[in-house]
């Protein structure tokens, strides 16, 4: 009577798990492709949509993971309107909050430094006056 091995050969486990892994990679690739195609250009980050599609098709596992990790904008984040590629007008995306204009300061750098020096001197004098008042009682 021959002895039966109770251990499972690693090659059999690997061969049995391959269809499952292949289905996961295929589902990731299809999901990424559908998401890329349906997403507006303003919601695609780092690369144009066509490059993302090529990346996902050529490298399904890595491309799909990179797309979901880096390539798309998720809801809830601050979105800025972007210029549509190849045109001079903004895309359909609208900002979520009204944007304020950046404050403009017409002073030169030297004038700003001089103003800061005056403020520092003023605070130093105020502290000195407060110190003298405390000493006098």
Protein backbone atom coordinates (compact mmCIF):
# COMPACT_ATOMS: atom_id res chain seq x y z
CA UNK A 1 0.00 0.00 0.00
CA UNK A 2 1.35 3.41 -1.00
CA UNK A 3 1.55 6.29 1.43
CA UNK A 4 -0.57 9.31 0.51
CA UNK A 5 0.88 12.74 1.07
CA UNK A 6 -1.26 14.97 3.20
CA UNK A 7 0.47 18.14 2.05
CA UNK A 8 -0.96 19.97 -0.91
CA UNK A 9 1.49 20.81 -3.65
CA UNK A 10 2.03 24.58 -3.96
CA UNK A 11 1.69 24.38 -7.74
CA UNK A 12 -1.86 23.06 -7.39
CA UNK A 13 -2.86 25.89 -5.05
CA UNK A 14 -1.35 28.43 -7.42
CA UNK A 15 -3.14 26.92 -10.43
CA UNK A 16 -6.48 26.84 -8.59
CA UNK A 17 -6.15 30.49 -7.48
CA UNK A 18 -5.24 31.88 -10.89
CA UNK A 19 -8.76 32.10 -12.36
CA UNK A 20 -9.94 33.98 -9.27
CA UNK A 21 -7.01 36.41 -9.46
CA UNK A 22 -7.54 36.86 -13.19
CA UNK A 23 -11.20 37.73 -12.61
CA UNK A 24 -10.25 40.31 -9.99
CA UNK A 25 -7.72 41.96 -12.34
CA UNK A 26 -10.26 41.91 -15.19
CA UNK A 27 -12.94 43.48 -12.97
CA UNK A 28 -10.49 46.16 -11.81
CA UNK A 29 -9.53 46.95 -15.40
CA UNK A 30 -13.15 47.16 -16.60
CA UNK A 31 -14.16 49.27 -13.60
CA UNK A 32 -11.24 51.66 -14.15
CA UNK A 33 -11.96 51.96 -17.88
CA UNK A 34 -15.65 52.69 -17.30
CA UNK A 35 -14.77 55.25 -14.62
CA UNK A 36 -12.18 56.97 -16.84
CA UNK A 37 -14.50 57.18 -19.82
CA UNK A 38 -17.51 58.46 -17.86
CA UNK A 39 -15.53 61.02 -15.81
CA UNK A 40 -15.37 64.67 -16.91
CA UNK A 41 -11.97 65.99 -18.02
CA UNK A 42 -11.90 68.39 -15.06
CA UNK A 43 -12.03 65.42 -12.65
CA UNK A 44 -9.02 63.63 -14.16
CA UNK A 45 -5.69 64.37 -12.49
CA UNK A 46 -2.04 64.17 -13.59
CA UNK A 47 -2.54 62.72 -17.11
CA UNK A 48 -5.02 63.11 -19.97
CA UNK A 49 -7.86 60.60 -20.16
CA UNK A 50 -6.44 58.88 -23.24
CA UNK A 51 -3.13 58.21 -21.48
CA UNK A 52 -5.01 56.75 -18.49
CA UNK A 53 -6.99 54.46 -20.82
CA UNK A 54 -3.80 53.24 -22.51
CA UNK A 55 -2.11 52.70 -19.14
CA UNK A 56 -5.04 50.66 -17.80
CA UNK A 57 -5.27 48.55 -20.97
CA UNK A 58 -1.52 47.81 -21.17
CA UNK A 59 -0.97 47.29 -17.42
CA UNK A 60 -4.38 46.31 -16.02
CA UNK A 61 -3.45 45.69 -12.39
CA UNK A 62 -0.97 48.55 -11.92
CA UNK A 63 -2.92 50.94 -14.15
CA UNK A 64 -6.20 50.28 -12.35
CA UNK A 65 -4.65 50.75 -8.93
CA UNK A 66 -2.88 53.95 -10.03
CA UNK A 67 -6.11 55.29 -11.54
CA UNK A 68 -8.13 54.84 -8.36
CA UNK A 69 -5.26 56.04 -6.12
CA UNK A 70 -3.96 59.02 -8.12
CA UNK A 71 -5.85 59.66 -11.31
CA UNK A 72 -9.33 60.67 -10.24
CA UNK A 73 -10.84 63.32 -8.02
CA UNK A 74 -13.16 62.06 -5.31
CA UNK A 75 -16.30 63.89 -4.19
CA UNK A 76 -16.02 66.05 -1.11
CA UNK A 77 -12.65 67.51 -1.97
CA UNK A 78 -12.07 71.09 -2.99
CA UNK A 79 -12.44 71.24 -6.76
CA UNK A 80 -11.03 74.03 -8.83
CA UNK A 81 -12.38 74.79 -12.28
CA UNK A 82 -9.88 73.78 -14.92
CA UNK A 83 -9.44 74.90 -18.46
CA UNK A 84 -10.60 72.24 -20.89
CA UNK A 85 -7.71 70.71 -22.77
CA UNK A 86 -7.33 72.23 -26.20
CA UNK A 87 -9.81 75.08 -25.74
CA UNK A 88 -9.71 78.54 -24.30
CA UNK A 89 -12.91 78.29 -22.27
CA UNK A 90 -13.46 76.70 -18.85
CA UNK A 91 -14.88 73.20 -18.63
CA UNK A 92 -18.36 72.35 -17.32
CA UNK A 93 -17.14 71.93 -13.73
CA UNK A 94 -18.31 74.66 -11.40
CA UNK A 95 -16.61 75.59 -8.15
CA UNK A 96 -18.35 74.45 -4.98
CA UNK A 97 -17.81 77.73 -3.14
CA UNK A 98 -17.49 81.30 -4.40
CA UNK A 99 -13.87 82.25 -4.82
CA UNK A 100 -12.48 85.40 -3.31
CA UNK A 101 -9.96 87.56 -5.09
CA UNK A 102 -6.48 87.41 -3.63
CA UNK A 103 -5.60 90.48 -1.57
CA UNK A 104 -3.42 92.89 -3.45
CA UNK A 105 -0.73 94.90 -1.73
CA UNK A 106 0.67 97.79 -3.74
CA UNK A 107 3.61 98.39 -1.40
CA UNK A 108 7.10 97.39 -2.44
CA UNK A 109 9.04 94.86 -0.42
CA UNK A 110 11.16 97.61 1.12
CA UNK A 111 8.03 99.48 2.22
CA UNK A 112 6.57 96.32 3.76
CA UNK A 113 9.81 95.67 5.68
CA UNK A 114 9.88 99.27 6.91
CA UNK A 115 6.26 98.96 8.08
CA UNK A 116 7.08 95.74 9.94
CA UNK A 117 10.09 97.40 11.58
CA UNK A 118 7.84 100.23 12.76
CA UNK A 119 5.33 97.74 14.17
CA UNK A 120 8.08 95.85 15.99
CA UNK A 121 9.38 99.09 17.48
CA UNK A 122 5.85 100.11 18.51
CA UNK A 123 5.27 96.79 20.32
CA UNK A 124 8.68 97.06 22.00
CA UNK A 125 7.82 100.54 23.28
CA UNK A 126 4.39 99.39 24.49
CA UNK A 127 6.01 96.55 26.45
CA UNK A 128 8.53 98.97 27.94
CA UNK A 129 5.75 101.36 29.00
CA UNK A 130 3.77 98.48 30.56
CA UNK A 131 6.91 97.32 32.40
CA UNK A 132 7.55 100.83 33.81
CA UNK A 133 3.93 101.12 34.96
CA UNK A 134 4.22 97.82 36.82
CA UNK A 135 7.48 98.93 38.47
CA UNK A 136 6.00 102.25 39.60
CA UNK A 137 3.08 100.48 41.12
